[in-house]
Amino acid sequence: MYIFLKIFFSFSLLRTALAATAEEWRGRSIYQIITDRFALPEGADPTQCNPGDQTFCGGTWNTIRENLDYVQNAGFTAIWISPVSQNYEGPRTPYGDPYHGYWISDATKLNSRFGTADDLKALSTELHKRGMFLMVDVVVNNVMGLTTDLNDLSSYMFKQKSQYHPYCPIQWGNRTSEQDCWLGDLKVPLLDVNTEDPTVVSAYQDWIKNLVSEYNIDGLRIDAANAAGVFCIGEVFGDNIDEVASFQGPDALDSTLNYPMYSALTEAFAIPGQLNTSAITDTMEIYKTKFKDPGLLGNFLENQDLPRWANMSSDPQSMYNAMVFNFMSDGIPIVYYGQEQGFNGSADPWNREPLWTSGYNNDTTAYKMIATLNKLRNFMINSTTDTDTDWLHSRAEVLTTSAHGLAIMKGDVISVLTNIGSPPQNLSTAVYTPYPNSLRMTDVLSCTQFVVGSNGTLSVGYSKGGQAKVIVPSDLLDNSDLCGHVDEVEQQSQGQLASTAFFELRRPSATASYVFLFGITFLGLLCTAVGV
């Protein structure tokens, strides 16, 4: 902890006004991209990309820039791209080639596979013209090697043996081992950088500061968690809430990926699965006291390290309901490319499919739902910023939970979620709202109109299947470009209300969690270094 604080204070002296603040990121929604798999240059063969081959397919920074309409039209206000630094260049490894960008050799140099410095600048410039932010993935705790021998370090950013920890395999559950030992294995070892070494700290300071300023970067995602005076979102892998929460705060990171809530969402919605909605409500309750600011956590359902949602859950409604929670609760929504197309790859490398095989279809249910959720979220943020009902800073609260669903309320938005799946069922969820009798409300996902019943009750039925509802007082939607025409009215009565029997709340298992720290102590410091 002494080293952590020492580095933090040295970085805090370097703050500039270059990048976006955590507060500016709070209202963003992020589309995550693996550069090699997003879009091909004109004339390239779209059939020659098998994720199982674990090799380059041809995506570049230019092809991202040329296809930003697809991202922006879904309502996203930021993108997060895979690492831009030079990777291992050599013979193919037993685990393929570094198409993903995470096998760093020299962080200070760009990866020529993805383009030139001018190409990366052009992408940043185009994003900012559109009012969008750029987040870049960075790896600062390790470099990739083919041996545990540290005798030839000529191709690396750090060329002295003292700048690395001696080889040792990680003993998971041992904090010192997790921080100082090597990731990977003997086939592809990842040399652990000695982030206690002052020369390492200084070099990383200079690199991060130059990277952010040179390419006008608004935020960093730290692979396995870091500092740059720029908004930083780190990775602490696992569902241990205490562990993850300890890395958010003024002396640590602005944000972390919301792995504990991801675990709760899978427990509540994945089909087949436990279908335990109380996992969500319990996690929300614990967050009130554990996290410094849940509104800055990164909410996600998929990423490059996890199986796609459609791979582990057979019913698409399970993803749609979980997706609504991520957009309409506290936190910054993050969508991994291809989620909007229903990609169903399993773990790495199968979850790194080429997006171009989808034809960039903007008519899928998921794409259209994301566009609607983004539109509503952006509207609520922009229309309530200077009011007493500031939607973005309001805390999501649980209104109702039952065996087959739950309802949450953030600001004036009520989200009613269920885990029953697609088949119609003779069920309903009773929602007890603070609204007066006879108030008209609109579900923005279906444009169905509801009317509040006695005692502020709403009843949401599932005769058409387990579709999520996002319900807002109708008069608040003026000028939102949402549901301009209401097609159907569902009158509510006390007689329609469902049972509100509660499940016993259950906390996520601490024993089932495990944490990837990857030198996170050092990384949390870098995020304060380059300035906001």
Protein backbone atom coordinates (compact mmCIF):
# COMPACT_ATOMS: atom_id res chain seq x y z
CA MET A 1 0.00 0.00 0.00
CA TYR A 2 2.91 2.38 0.63
CA ILE A 3 4.10 1.95 -2.96
CA PHE A 4 0.56 2.47 -4.20
CA LEU A 5 0.22 5.79 -2.43
CA LYS A 6 3.69 6.98 -3.40
CA ILE A 7 3.05 6.40 -7.09
CA PHE A 8 -0.43 7.90 -6.86
CA PHE A 9 0.78 11.18 -5.44
CA SER A 10 3.60 11.45 -7.97
CA PHE A 11 1.11 10.94 -10.81
CA SER A 12 -1.37 13.43 -9.40
CA LEU A 13 1.15 16.19 -9.99
CA LEU A 14 0.97 15.57 -13.76
CA ARG A 15 -2.69 16.34 -14.27
CA THR A 16 -3.53 18.32 -17.39
CA ALA A 17 -6.79 19.31 -19.01
CA LEU A 18 -6.47 16.96 -21.98
CA ALA A 19 -9.01 14.22 -21.48
CA ALA A 20 -12.60 13.68 -20.46
CA THR A 21 -13.45 13.55 -16.78
CA ALA A 22 -15.17 10.72 -14.97
CA GLU A 23 -18.25 12.94 -14.72
CA GLU A 24 -18.26 13.39 -18.50
CA TRP A 25 -18.01 9.62 -18.98
CA ARG A 26 -20.90 8.94 -16.59
CA GLY A 27 -23.47 9.82 -19.25
CA ARG A 28 -21.84 7.89 -22.09
CA SER A 29 -22.69 4.49 -23.53
CA ILE A 30 -19.82 2.46 -24.97
CA TYR A 31 -19.49 0.11 -27.93
CA GLN A 32 -16.51 -2.23 -27.49
CA ILE A 33 -14.51 -3.21 -30.58
CA ILE A 34 -11.71 -5.64 -31.36
CA THR A 35 -10.06 -3.69 -34.15
CA ASP A 36 -9.10 -6.73 -36.24
CA ARG A 37 -12.68 -8.03 -36.31
CA PHE A 38 -14.90 -4.96 -36.84
CA ALA A 39 -14.60 -4.09 -40.53
CA LEU A 40 -12.50 -4.98 -43.57
CA PRO A 41 -10.84 -2.71 -46.11
CA GLU A 42 -12.60 -2.43 -49.45
CA GLY A 43 -11.80 -5.40 -51.71
CA ALA A 44 -10.82 -7.80 -48.91
CA ASP A 45 -12.31 -11.31 -48.93
CA PRO A 46 -15.07 -11.40 -46.26
CA THR A 47 -15.11 -15.20 -46.14
CA GLN A 48 -11.55 -15.66 -44.87
CA CYS A 49 -11.91 -15.18 -41.12
CA ASN A 50 -12.37 -18.23 -38.94
CA PRO A 51 -12.05 -17.28 -35.24
CA GLY A 52 -10.61 -20.73 -34.56
CA ASP A 53 -7.60 -19.92 -36.73
CA GLN A 54 -6.53 -17.30 -34.17
CA THR A 55 -4.89 -15.10 -36.76
CA PHE A 56 -5.29 -11.68 -38.34
CA CYS A 57 -8.39 -10.99 -40.42
CA GLY A 58 -7.65 -7.45 -41.58
CA GLY A 59 -9.58 -4.87 -39.55
CA THR A 60 -7.89 -1.48 -39.07
CA TRP A 61 -8.39 1.90 -37.44
CA ASN A 62 -9.39 3.26 -40.84
CA THR A 63 -12.11 0.65 -41.30
CA ILE A 64 -13.54 1.51 -37.88
CA ARG A 65 -13.63 5.18 -38.90
CA GLU A 66 -15.35 4.32 -42.19
CA ASN A 67 -18.11 2.39 -40.43
CA LEU A 68 -18.91 4.66 -37.47
CA ASP A 69 -22.45 5.30 -38.74
CA TYR A 70 -23.34 1.76 -37.70
CA VAL A 71 -22.24 2.51 -34.14
CA GLN A 72 -23.63 6.02 -33.87
CA ASN A 73 -27.00 5.08 -35.37
CA ALA A 74 -27.44 2.65 -32.48
CA GLY A 75 -27.11 5.63 -30.15
CA PHE A 76 -23.66 4.97 -28.71
CA THR A 77 -21.67 7.99 -27.62
CA ALA A 78 -18.25 6.33 -27.25
CA ILE A 79 -16.21 3.44 -28.57
CA TRP A 80 -13.62 1.34 -26.80
CA ILE A 81 -10.99 -0.20 -29.08
CA SER A 82 -8.49 -2.98 -28.41
CA PRO A 83 -4.86 -2.08 -27.61
CA VAL A 84 -2.98 0.09 -30.10
CA SER A 85 0.59 -0.75 -28.99
CA GLN A 86 3.16 -2.84 -30.82
CA ASN A 87 2.66 -6.55 -30.24
CA TYR A 88 4.87 -9.62 -30.53
CA GLU A 89 6.16 -10.00 -34.07
CA GLY A 90 7.52 -13.45 -34.80
CA PRO A 91 6.61 -17.06 -35.61
CA ARG A 92 3.08 -18.22 -34.89
CA THR A 93 2.65 -19.36 -31.29
CA PRO A 94 0.72 -22.43 -30.02
CA TYR A 95 -2.12 -19.98 -29.32
CA GLY A 96 -2.04 -18.27 -32.69
CA ASP A 97 -1.12 -14.71 -33.62
CA PRO A 98 -1.68 -11.48 -31.63
CA TYR A 99 -4.66 -10.29 -33.70
CA HIS A 100 -6.36 -9.20 -30.47
CA GLY A 101 -3.63 -6.71 -29.55
CA TYR A 102 -2.97 -7.90 -25.99
CA TRP A 103 0.51 -9.43 -26.46
CA ILE A 104 2.50 -6.23 -26.00
CA SER A 105 6.20 -5.98 -26.80
CA ASP A 106 6.79 -2.21 -26.81
CA ALA A 107 3.94 -0.08 -25.52
CA THR A 108 5.51 3.14 -26.82
CA LYS A 109 5.19 2.05 -30.48
CA LEU A 110 1.99 1.65 -32.48
CA ASN A 111 0.83 -1.66 -33.92
CA SER A 112 1.44 -1.31 -37.65
CA ARG A 113 -1.03 -4.13 -38.34
CA PHE A 114 -3.86 -1.71 -37.55
CA GLY A 115 -2.54 1.40 -39.25
CA THR A 116 -0.35 4.44 -38.86
CA ALA A 117 -0.24 7.28 -36.37
CA ASP A 118 -2.21 9.39 -38.84
CA ASP A 119 -4.86 6.67 -39.11
CA LEU A 120 -5.36 6.58 -35.35
CA LYS A 121 -5.50 10.38 -35.22
CA ALA A 122 -8.06 10.39 -38.03
CA LEU A 123 -10.26 7.96 -36.08
CA SER A 124 -10.05 10.14 -32.97
CA THR A 125 -10.81 13.28 -34.96
CA GLU A 126 -13.85 11.73 -36.64
CA LEU A 127 -15.23 10.52 -33.33
CA HIS A 128 -14.91 13.96 -31.78
CA LYS A 129 -16.58 15.56 -34.82
CA ARG A 130 -19.54 13.31 -34.06
CA GLY A 131 -19.53 14.25 -30.37
CA MET A 132 -18.29 10.78 -29.41
CA PHE A 133 -15.49 9.73 -27.05
CA LEU A 134 -12.55 7.40 -27.68
CA MET A 135 -11.46 4.84 -25.10
CA VAL A 136 -8.33 2.77 -25.72
CA ASP A 137 -7.44 -0.54 -24.12
CA VAL A 138 -3.98 -0.49 -22.55
CA VAL A 139 -1.82 -3.26 -21.10
CA VAL A 140 0.77 -2.07 -18.58
CA ASN A 141 1.52 -4.98 -16.32
CA ASN A 142 3.11 -7.51 -18.65
CA VAL A 143 4.70 -8.13 -22.03
CA MET A 144 4.51 -11.23 -24.17
CA GLY A 145 7.43 -13.63 -24.57
CA LEU A 146 8.20 -17.10 -25.89
CA THR A 147 10.46 -18.04 -23.00
CA THR A 148 10.99 -17.34 -19.33
CA ASP A 149 14.59 -16.44 -20.15
CA LEU A 150 15.22 -12.70 -19.60
CA ASN A 151 18.59 -12.60 -21.37
CA ASP A 152 17.36 -11.01 -24.63
CA LEU A 153 15.09 -8.05 -23.97
CA SER A 154 16.17 -5.97 -26.96
CA SER A 155 12.71 -5.89 -28.59
CA TYR A 156 10.89 -4.77 -25.46
CA MET A 157 10.10 -1.40 -23.97
CA PHE A 158 11.92 -2.42 -20.80
CA LYS A 159 15.34 -3.88 -21.54
CA GLN A 160 16.76 -4.57 -18.05
CA LYS A 161 16.18 -7.75 -16.04
CA SER A 162 15.57 -5.67 -12.92
CA GLN A 163 12.50 -4.19 -14.62
CA TYR A 164 10.73 -7.57 -14.46
CA HIS A 165 9.75 -9.89 -11.65
CA PRO A 166 11.50 -13.28 -11.70
CA TYR A 167 9.46 -16.05 -13.25
CA CYS A 168 6.90 -17.81 -11.05
CA PRO A 169 3.49 -19.29 -11.88
CA ILE A 170 0.54 -17.54 -10.27
CA GLN A 171 -1.02 -19.07 -7.17
CA TRP A 172 -4.60 -17.80 -7.38
CA GLY A 173 -5.91 -16.54 -4.08
CA ASN A 174 -2.48 -15.34 -2.99
CA ARG A 175 -2.44 -11.54 -3.45
CA THR A 176 1.36 -11.25 -3.69
CA SER A 177 1.54 -14.06 -6.23
CA GLU A 178 -1.29 -12.57 -8.28
CA GLN A 179 0.54 -9.25 -8.44
CA ASP A 180 4.14 -10.39 -8.97
CA CYS A 181 4.02 -13.71 -10.82
CA TRP A 182 3.54 -14.31 -14.54
CA LEU A 183 0.34 -14.73 -16.51
CA GLY A 184 0.17 -17.11 -19.44
CA ASP A 185 2.01 -20.41 -19.34
CA LEU A 186 5.32 -21.89 -20.47
CA LYS A 187 4.10 -21.94 -24.10
CA VAL A 188 3.30 -18.22 -24.16
CA PRO A 189 4.52 -16.61 -20.94
CA LEU A 190 3.60 -13.02 -20.15
CA LEU A 191 6.61 -11.41 -18.45
CA ASP A 192 5.46 -9.55 -15.34
CA VAL A 193 6.74 -5.98 -15.29
CA ASN A 194 8.23 -4.77 -12.00
CA THR A 195 5.96 -1.80 -11.37
CA GLU A 196 7.76 -1.03 -8.11
CA ASP A 197 10.84 -0.03 -10.11
CA PRO A 198 11.07 3.81 -10.40
CA THR A 199 12.36 3.57 -13.97
CA VAL A 200 9.28 1.54 -14.93
CA VAL A 201 6.96 4.04 -13.26
CA SER A 202 8.63 6.97 -14.99
CA ALA A 203 8.55 5.28 -18.40
CA TYR A 204 4.88 4.40 -18.07
CA GLN A 205 4.07 7.93 -16.94
CA ASP A 206 5.69 9.41 -20.02
CA TRP A 207 4.12 6.90 -22.38
CA ILE A 208 0.56 7.26 -21.06
CA LYS A 209 0.76 11.04 -21.01
CA ASN A 210 2.05 11.15 -24.60
CA LEU A 211 -0.48 8.58 -25.82
CA VAL A 212 -3.43 10.52 -24.45
CA SER A 213 -2.23 13.89 -25.72
CA GLU A 214 -0.94 12.73 -29.13
CA TYR A 215 -4.14 10.91 -30.09
CA ASN A 216 -6.67 12.96 -28.12
CA ILE A 217 -7.86 9.95 -26.15
CA ASP A 218 -10.75 10.46 -23.74
CA GLY A 219 -10.43 7.38 -21.56
CA LEU A 220 -8.49 4.19 -20.94
CA ARG A 221 -9.65 0.70 -20.22
CA ILE A 222 -6.96 -1.06 -18.21
CA ASP A 223 -6.56 -4.70 -19.13
CA ALA A 224 -6.49 -6.25 -15.71
CA ALA A 225 -6.64 -2.84 -14.22
CA ASN A 226 -3.97 1.41 -13.95
CA ALA A 227 -3.11 5.98 -14.54
CA ALA A 228 -3.21 8.66 -16.87
CA GLY A 229 -5.10 11.67 -15.58
CA VAL A 230 -7.70 10.38 -17.94
CA PHE A 231 -10.83 8.43 -17.04
CA CYS A 232 -9.78 4.84 -16.35
CA ILE A 233 -11.94 1.77 -16.12
CA GLY A 234 -10.12 -1.27 -14.77
CA GLU A 235 -10.73 -4.98 -14.79
CA VAL A 236 -11.05 -6.96 -11.58
CA PHE A 237 -12.32 -10.34 -12.69
CA GLY A 238 -14.69 -12.09 -10.30
CA ASP A 239 -17.88 -11.69 -8.28
CA ASN A 240 -16.29 -10.78 -4.95
CA ILE A 241 -17.89 -7.40 -4.29
CA ASP A 242 -15.49 -6.36 -1.54
CA GLU A 243 -12.49 -7.10 -3.77
CA VAL A 244 -13.83 -5.25 -6.79
CA ALA A 245 -15.09 -2.29 -4.76
CA SER A 246 -11.69 -1.81 -3.12
CA PHE A 247 -10.28 -0.67 -6.46
CA GLN A 248 -12.66 2.27 -6.96
CA GLY A 249 -11.99 5.54 -5.21
CA PRO A 250 -9.92 8.73 -5.04
CA ASP A 251 -6.70 6.78 -4.42
CA ALA A 252 -7.47 4.12 -7.02
CA LEU A 253 -9.52 3.83 -10.22
CA ASP A 254 -12.46 5.90 -11.41
CA SER A 255 -14.30 2.75 -12.36
CA THR A 256 -14.14 -1.00 -12.79
CA LEU A 257 -16.00 -3.39 -15.03
CA ASN A 258 -19.08 -4.51 -13.16
CA TYR A 259 -18.29 -8.22 -12.82
CA PRO A 260 -20.33 -8.78 -9.63
CA MET A 261 -23.48 -7.51 -11.34
CA TYR A 262 -22.67 -9.55 -14.45
CA SER A 263 -22.65 -12.64 -12.22
CA ALA A 264 -25.97 -11.60 -10.68
CA LEU A 265 -27.54 -11.02 -14.10
CA THR A 266 -26.51 -14.46 -15.35
CA GLU A 267 -27.88 -16.01 -12.17
CA ALA A 268 -31.18 -14.16 -12.60
CA PHE A 269 -31.81 -14.39 -16.36
CA ALA A 270 -29.76 -17.11 -18.11
CA ILE A 271 -31.94 -19.95 -19.42
CA PRO A 272 -31.34 -22.67 -18.37
CA GLY A 273 -30.10 -21.41 -15.03
CA GLN A 274 -30.99 -20.62 -11.45
CA LEU A 275 -33.45 -17.86 -12.42
CA ASN A 276 -32.83 -16.17 -9.10
CA THR A 277 -33.80 -12.50 -9.46
CA SER A 278 -32.93 -11.87 -5.83
CA ALA A 279 -29.27 -12.13 -6.83
CA ILE A 280 -29.75 -8.73 -8.50
CA THR A 281 -31.64 -7.06 -5.68
CA ASP A 282 -29.17 -8.31 -3.10
CA THR A 283 -26.22 -7.06 -5.15
CA MET A 284 -27.86 -3.65 -5.56
CA GLU A 285 -28.34 -3.40 -1.81
CA ILE A 286 -24.72 -4.30 -1.06
CA TYR A 287 -23.49 -1.75 -3.62
CA LYS A 288 -25.05 1.07 -1.61
CA THR A 289 -22.34 0.77 1.02
CA LYS A 290 -19.45 -0.92 -0.79
CA PHE A 291 -18.81 1.15 -3.93
CA LYS A 292 -17.74 4.78 -3.91
CA ASP A 293 -19.82 5.51 -7.02
CA PRO A 294 -21.87 2.74 -8.70
CA GLY A 295 -22.88 5.22 -11.39
CA LEU A 296 -19.39 4.96 -12.92
CA LEU A 297 -19.17 1.17 -13.07
CA GLY A 298 -19.04 -0.45 -16.52
CA ASN A 299 -22.16 -2.60 -17.08
CA PHE A 300 -21.76 -5.43 -19.59
CA LEU A 301 -23.11 -8.82 -20.67
CA GLU A 302 -20.28 -9.88 -22.99
CA ASN A 303 -16.61 -9.22 -23.62
CA GLN A 304 -13.56 -10.78 -25.24
CA ASP A 305 -12.88 -13.01 -22.22
CA LEU A 306 -16.36 -14.48 -21.72
CA PRO A 307 -18.72 -16.72 -23.69
CA ARG A 308 -21.35 -14.80 -25.61
CA TRP A 309 -24.69 -14.50 -23.80
CA ALA A 310 -26.41 -16.49 -26.57
CA ASN A 311 -23.89 -19.27 -26.04
CA MET A 312 -24.89 -19.81 -22.42
CA SER A 313 -28.58 -18.85 -22.60
CA SER A 314 -30.95 -20.43 -25.09
CA ASP A 315 -33.70 -17.81 -24.99
CA PRO A 316 -33.11 -14.37 -26.57
CA GLN A 317 -35.55 -12.68 -24.17
CA SER A 318 -33.13 -13.47 -21.36
CA MET A 319 -30.52 -11.23 -23.01
CA TYR A 320 -33.02 -8.48 -23.79
CA ASN A 321 -34.17 -8.30 -20.16
CA ALA A 322 -30.61 -8.30 -18.82
CA MET A 323 -29.67 -5.69 -21.40
CA VAL A 324 -32.43 -3.36 -20.21
CA PHE A 325 -31.07 -3.58 -16.68
CA ASN A 326 -27.60 -2.51 -17.84
CA PHE A 327 -28.95 0.56 -19.63
CA MET A 328 -31.62 1.63 -17.16
CA SER A 329 -29.85 1.07 -13.83
CA ASP A 330 -26.77 2.75 -12.34
CA GLY A 331 -23.58 2.55 -14.38
CA ILE A 332 -22.19 3.06 -17.86
CA PRO A 333 -23.62 0.58 -20.39
CA ILE A 334 -21.07 -1.29 -22.51
CA VAL A 335 -21.98 -3.47 -25.50
CA TYR A 336 -19.39 -5.83 -26.99
CA TYR A 337 -19.46 -5.78 -30.79
CA GLY A 338 -21.71 -8.53 -32.19
CA GLN A 339 -24.00 -8.67 -29.16
CA GLU A 340 -26.46 -6.62 -31.19
CA GLN A 341 -26.31 -9.31 -33.90
CA GLY A 342 -26.91 -12.23 -31.54
CA PHE A 343 -23.44 -13.74 -31.98
CA ASN A 344 -23.12 -16.95 -29.99
CA GLY A 345 -19.42 -17.85 -29.81
CA SER A 346 -18.16 -19.62 -26.73
CA ALA A 347 -14.98 -18.58 -24.92
CA ASP A 348 -11.80 -17.24 -26.55
CA PRO A 349 -11.23 -17.46 -29.52
CA TRP A 350 -14.78 -18.23 -30.61
CA ASN A 351 -16.18 -15.06 -29.03
CA ARG A 352 -14.08 -12.91 -31.37
CA GLU A 353 -16.09 -13.37 -34.55
CA PRO A 354 -15.83 -11.02 -37.57
CA LEU A 355 -18.67 -8.51 -37.50
CA TRP A 356 -18.83 -8.16 -41.29
CA THR A 357 -20.53 -11.55 -41.65
CA SER A 358 -23.64 -9.90 -40.18
CA GLY A 359 -23.84 -7.41 -43.02
CA TYR A 360 -24.07 -4.72 -40.31
CA ASN A 361 -27.76 -5.51 -40.01
CA ASN A 362 -29.51 -2.66 -38.21
CA ASP A 363 -32.84 -4.48 -38.18
CA THR A 364 -32.15 -7.15 -35.56
CA THR A 365 -34.25 -7.10 -32.41
CA ALA A 366 -31.18 -6.46 -30.27
CA TYR A 367 -29.86 -3.61 -32.46
CA LYS A 368 -33.24 -1.86 -32.49
CA MET A 369 -33.69 -2.34 -28.75
CA ILE A 370 -30.23 -0.93 -28.04
CA ALA A 371 -31.00 2.06 -30.26
CA THR A 372 -34.22 2.70 -28.31
CA LEU A 373 -32.54 2.27 -24.93
CA ASN A 374 -29.73 4.63 -25.94
CA LYS A 375 -32.23 7.16 -27.24
CA LEU A 376 -34.20 7.12 -24.00
CA ARG A 377 -31.09 7.17 -21.82
CA ASN A 378 -29.58 10.07 -23.76
CA PHE A 379 -32.89 11.93 -23.65
CA MET A 380 -33.31 11.47 -19.90
CA ILE A 381 -29.74 12.63 -19.30
CA ASN A 382 -30.04 15.72 -21.49
CA SER A 383 -33.56 16.73 -20.43
CA THR A 384 -33.09 16.40 -16.66
CA THR A 385 -29.49 17.54 -16.09
CA ASP A 386 -30.37 20.87 -14.51
CA THR A 387 -33.55 19.78 -12.76
CA ASP A 388 -34.45 18.36 -9.36
CA THR A 389 -35.08 15.01 -11.08
CA ASP A 390 -31.54 14.60 -12.46
CA TRP A 391 -31.89 11.12 -13.97
CA LEU A 392 -28.20 10.35 -14.37
CA HIS A 393 -27.30 10.93 -10.72
CA SER A 394 -30.42 9.37 -9.24
CA ARG A 395 -29.97 5.96 -7.63
CA ALA A 396 -31.78 2.95 -9.05
CA GLU A 397 -34.11 1.41 -6.48
CA VAL A 398 -35.99 -1.89 -6.40
CA LEU A 399 -39.77 -1.52 -6.52
CA THR A 400 -40.82 -5.17 -6.71
CA THR A 401 -39.26 -8.59 -6.88
CA SER A 402 -40.93 -11.98 -7.30
CA ALA A 403 -40.13 -15.50 -8.44
CA HIS A 404 -40.40 -14.54 -12.10
CA GLY A 405 -39.20 -10.95 -12.25
CA LEU A 406 -38.38 -7.62 -10.70
CA ALA A 407 -38.98 -3.93 -11.26
CA ILE A 408 -36.47 -1.15 -10.70
CA MET A 409 -36.87 2.61 -10.84
CA LYS A 410 -34.21 5.16 -11.73
CA GLY A 411 -35.46 8.71 -11.77
CA ASP A 412 -38.81 8.58 -13.55
CA VAL A 413 -38.02 5.42 -15.52
CA ILE A 414 -39.48 2.10 -14.36
CA SER A 415 -37.98 -1.08 -15.85
CA VAL A 416 -39.97 -4.28 -15.43
CA LEU A 417 -37.89 -7.38 -16.10
CA THR A 418 -38.67 -11.07 -16.20
CA ASN A 419 -36.85 -14.37 -16.56
CA ILE A 420 -39.73 -16.47 -17.95
CA GLY A 421 -38.33 -16.43 -21.50
CA SER A 422 -40.16 -16.12 -24.81
CA PRO A 423 -43.21 -18.43 -24.41
CA PRO A 424 -46.43 -16.66 -23.35
CA GLN A 425 -47.46 -17.33 -19.77
CA ASN A 426 -50.49 -16.48 -17.66
CA LEU A 427 -48.43 -14.44 -15.24
CA SER A 428 -48.06 -10.81 -14.27
CA THR A 429 -45.79 -8.67 -12.15
CA ALA A 430 -47.26 -6.17 -9.71
CA VAL A 431 -45.29 -2.93 -9.56
CA TYR A 432 -45.90 -0.49 -6.75
CA THR A 433 -45.00 2.99 -7.99
CA PRO A 434 -44.99 6.45 -6.38
CA TYR A 435 -47.32 7.72 -9.11
CA PRO A 436 -50.95 8.86 -8.70
CA ASN A 437 -53.98 6.94 -9.84
CA SER A 438 -54.86 7.29 -13.57
CA LEU A 439 -51.45 8.64 -14.65
CA ARG A 440 -50.73 7.62 -18.23
CA MET A 441 -47.39 5.93 -18.82
CA THR A 442 -45.69 4.54 -21.93
CA ASP A 443 -43.51 1.50 -22.45
CA VAL A 444 -40.91 2.87 -24.87
CA LEU A 445 -39.95 -0.60 -26.14
CA SER A 446 -43.43 -1.47 -27.44
CA CYS A 447 -45.11 1.95 -27.34
CA THR A 448 -47.87 0.38 -25.29
CA GLN A 449 -49.67 2.75 -22.95
CA PHE A 450 -50.31 1.89 -19.30
CA VAL A 451 -52.52 3.63 -16.76
CA VAL A 452 -51.56 3.63 -13.09
CA GLY A 453 -54.15 1.89 -10.91
CA SER A 454 -55.19 2.46 -7.33
CA ASN A 455 -52.45 2.91 -4.76
CA GLY A 456 -49.94 3.60 -7.52
CA THR A 457 -50.01 0.07 -8.90
CA LEU A 458 -49.06 -1.13 -12.37
CA SER A 459 -49.60 -4.68 -13.54
CA VAL A 460 -47.44 -6.03 -16.35
CA GLY A 461 -48.70 -9.21 -17.95
CA TYR A 462 -46.82 -11.80 -19.99
CA SER A 463 -49.55 -13.13 -22.27
CA LYS A 464 -47.27 -12.30 -25.22
CA GLY A 465 -44.11 -13.70 -23.61
CA GLY A 466 -41.42 -12.41 -21.31
CA GLN A 467 -40.72 -9.04 -22.88
CA ALA A 468 -39.02 -6.37 -20.82
CA LYS A 469 -40.86 -3.09 -20.24
CA VAL A 470 -39.35 0.37 -19.83
CA ILE A 471 -42.18 2.56 -18.61
CA VAL A 472 -42.09 6.35 -18.38
CA PRO A 473 -44.78 8.95 -17.62
CA SER A 474 -46.09 9.80 -21.08
CA ASP A 475 -45.87 13.56 -20.65
CA LEU A 476 -42.12 13.29 -19.96
CA LEU A 477 -41.51 11.90 -23.45
CA ASP A 478 -42.39 15.14 -25.25
CA ASN A 479 -39.66 15.95 -27.80
CA SER A 480 -37.96 12.58 -27.21
CA ASP A 481 -38.74 11.15 -30.68
CA LEU A 482 -39.97 8.03 -28.88
CA CYS A 483 -43.41 6.49 -29.35
CA GLY A 484 -44.97 9.41 -31.20
CA HIS A 485 -48.06 7.24 -31.76
CA VAL A 486 -49.48 5.00 -29.05
CA ASP A 487 -51.21 1.96 -30.54
CA GLU A 488 -52.55 0.10 -27.57
CA VAL A 489 -53.89 0.89 -24.11
CA GLU A 490 -53.66 -1.55 -21.24
CA GLN A 491 -55.96 -0.44 -18.42
CA GLN A 492 -54.82 -1.67 -15.07
CA SER A 493 -57.01 -2.72 -12.20
CA GLN A 494 -56.44 -4.02 -8.74
CA GLY A 495 -57.86 -7.37 -9.80
CA GLN A 496 -55.04 -7.89 -12.30
CA LEU A 497 -52.28 -7.60 -9.76
CA ALA A 498 -50.05 -10.60 -9.30
CA SER A 499 -48.76 -12.12 -6.14
CA THR A 500 -45.77 -10.32 -4.75
CA ALA A 501 -44.24 -13.20 -2.86
CA PHE A 502 -40.57 -12.46 -2.43
CA PHE A 503 -37.72 -14.83 -2.93
CA GLU A 504 -35.27 -15.10 -0.08
CA LEU A 505 -32.43 -12.79 -1.03
CA ARG A 506 -29.12 -14.48 -1.52
CA ARG A 507 -25.70 -12.94 -1.88
CA PRO A 508 -23.31 -13.96 -4.66
CA SER A 509 -20.96 -16.62 -3.39
CA ALA A 510 -17.64 -15.19 -2.23
CA THR A 511 -16.05 -18.61 -2.41
CA ALA A 512 -16.94 -18.89 -6.09
CA SER A 513 -15.19 -15.67 -6.99
CA TYR A 514 -11.70 -15.18 -8.17
CA VAL A 515 -9.88 -12.01 -9.05
CA PHE A 516 -7.45 -11.13 -11.78
CA LEU A 517 -5.33 -8.38 -10.26
CA PHE A 518 -2.56 -8.12 -12.84
CA GLY A 519 -0.68 -5.51 -10.93
CA ILE A 520 -3.83 -3.52 -10.37
CA THR A 521 -2.26 -1.54 -7.55
CA PHE A 522 0.15 0.07 -9.95
CA LEU A 523 -2.46 0.46 -12.64
CA GLY A 524 -4.90 2.37 -10.49
CA LEU A 525 -2.22 4.97 -10.15
CA LEU A 526 -1.61 5.59 -13.81
CA CYS A 527 -5.15 6.83 -14.30
CA THR A 528 -4.37 9.92 -12.28
CA ALA A 529 -1.24 10.74 -14.22
CA VAL A 530 -2.11 12.50 -17.39
CA GLY A 531 -4.75 14.67 -16.39
CA VAL A 532 -8.36 15.58 -16.23
